[in-house]
Amino acid sequence: MAKKGNRIQVILECTEHKESGMPGTSRYVTKKNKKNTPDRMEIKKYNPILKRMTVHKEIK
């Protein structure tokens, strides 16, 4: 029987897009190791609607 791994799938959502009030959302799906990164992730990713790099935070 295989044991459950530490890698989980997380969704990253743009923080600046929410504040701008523009329609739509910028989201990315990625994986993280919950033992190495127990806190919520915060990564700079490209937002195609705003056409620039923005901060994306992990959502539940």
C-alpha atoms as a PDB file:
ATOM      1  CA  MET A   1       0.000   0.000   0.000  1.00  0.00           C
ATOM      2  CA  ALA A   2       1.456   3.371  -1.042  1.00  0.00           C
ATOM      3  CA  LYS A   3       1.612   6.116   1.549  1.00  0.00           C
ATOM      4  CA  LYS A   4       0.143   9.536   0.801  1.00  0.00           C
ATOM      5  CA  GLY A   5       2.741  12.009  -0.472  1.00  0.00           C
ATOM      6  CA  ASN A   6       3.535  15.478   0.804  1.00  0.00           C
ATOM      7  CA  ARG A   7       2.829  17.163  -2.540  1.00  0.00           C
ATOM      8  CA  ILE A   8      -0.526  18.910  -2.809  1.00  0.00           C
ATOM      9  CA  GLN A   9      -2.177  20.879  -5.603  1.00  0.00           C
ATOM     10  CA  VAL A  10      -2.731  24.600  -4.913  1.00  0.00           C
ATOM     11  CA  ILE A  11      -4.408  27.477  -6.778  1.00  0.00           C
ATOM     12  CA  LEU A  12      -2.672  30.850  -7.070  1.00  0.00           C
ATOM     13  CA  GLU A  13      -4.817  33.949  -7.669  1.00  0.00           C
ATOM     14  CA  CYS A  14      -3.708  37.472  -8.615  1.00  0.00           C
ATOM     15  CA  THR A  15      -4.030  40.007  -5.779  1.00  0.00           C
ATOM     16  CA  GLU A  16      -3.739  43.166  -7.912  1.00  0.00           C
ATOM     17  CA  HIS A  17      -6.473  42.052 -10.328  1.00  0.00           C
ATOM     18  CA  LYS A  18      -9.037  41.789  -7.507  1.00  0.00           C
ATOM     19  CA  GLU A  19      -8.266  45.340  -6.367  1.00  0.00           C
ATOM     20  CA  SER A  20      -8.425  46.811  -9.900  1.00  0.00           C
ATOM     21  CA  GLY A  21     -12.116  45.918 -10.297  1.00  0.00           C
ATOM     22  CA  MET A  22     -11.626  44.603 -13.856  1.00  0.00           C
ATOM     23  CA  PRO A  23     -13.740  41.588 -14.887  1.00  0.00           C
ATOM     24  CA  GLY A  24     -12.178  38.125 -14.928  1.00  0.00           C
ATOM     25  CA  THR A  25      -9.456  36.498 -12.823  1.00  0.00           C
ATOM     26  CA  SER A  26      -5.880  35.377 -13.283  1.00  0.00           C
ATOM     27  CA  ARG A  27      -5.311  31.956 -11.699  1.00  0.00           C
ATOM     28  CA  TYR A  28      -2.571  29.354 -11.927  1.00  0.00           C
ATOM     29  CA  VAL A  29      -2.609  25.749 -10.682  1.00  0.00           C
ATOM     30  CA  THR A  30       0.645  24.343  -9.275  1.00  0.00           C
ATOM     31  CA  LYS A  31       1.933  21.857  -6.704  1.00  0.00           C
ATOM     32  CA  LYS A  32       3.849  22.381  -3.482  1.00  0.00           C
ATOM     33  CA  ASN A  33       5.421  20.248  -0.795  1.00  0.00           C
ATOM     34  CA  LYS A  34       3.391  20.927   2.367  1.00  0.00           C
ATOM     35  CA  LYS A  35       6.278  19.891   4.661  1.00  0.00           C
ATOM     36  CA  ASN A  36       8.774  22.322   3.093  1.00  0.00           C
ATOM     37  CA  THR A  37       6.228  25.119   2.550  1.00  0.00           C
ATOM     38  CA  PRO A  38       3.559  24.975   5.285  1.00  0.00           C
ATOM     39  CA  ASP A  39       2.558  28.650   4.793  1.00  0.00           C
ATOM     40  CA  ARG A  40       0.607  30.021   1.853  1.00  0.00           C
ATOM     41  CA  MET A  41       2.674  30.557  -1.284  1.00  0.00           C
ATOM     42  CA  GLU A  42       3.241  33.974  -2.827  1.00  0.00           C
ATOM     43  CA  ILE A  43       4.819  34.047  -6.312  1.00  0.00           C
ATOM     44  CA  LYS A  44       5.194  36.654  -9.062  1.00  0.00           C
ATOM     45  CA  LYS A  45       3.443  35.347 -12.197  1.00  0.00           C
ATOM     46  CA  TYR A  46       2.282  36.898 -15.480  1.00  0.00           C
ATOM     47  CA  ASN A  47      -1.260  38.282 -15.556  1.00  0.00           C
ATOM     48  CA  PRO A  48      -2.484  38.242 -19.192  1.00  0.00           C
ATOM     49  CA  ILE A  49      -5.364  40.648 -18.496  1.00  0.00           C
ATOM     50  CA  LEU A  50      -3.183  43.339 -16.889  1.00  0.00           C
ATOM     51  CA  LYS A  51      -0.309  42.396 -19.262  1.00  0.00           C
ATOM     52  CA  ARG A  52       2.403  42.447 -16.574  1.00  0.00           C
ATOM     53  CA  MET A  53       3.959  40.442 -13.761  1.00  0.00           C
ATOM     54  CA  THR A  54       1.898  40.548 -10.544  1.00  0.00           C
ATOM     55  CA  VAL A  55       1.889  38.849  -7.149  1.00  0.00           C
ATOM     56  CA  HIS A  56      -0.243  35.687  -7.019  1.00  0.00           C
ATOM     57  CA  LYS A  57      -1.203  34.243  -3.616  1.00  0.00           C
ATOM     58  CA  GLU A  58      -2.430  30.778  -2.721  1.00  0.00           C
ATOM     59  CA  ILE A  59      -6.186  30.477  -2.126  1.00  0.00           C
ATOM     60  CA  LYS A  60      -8.208  27.728  -0.480  1.00  0.00           C
END
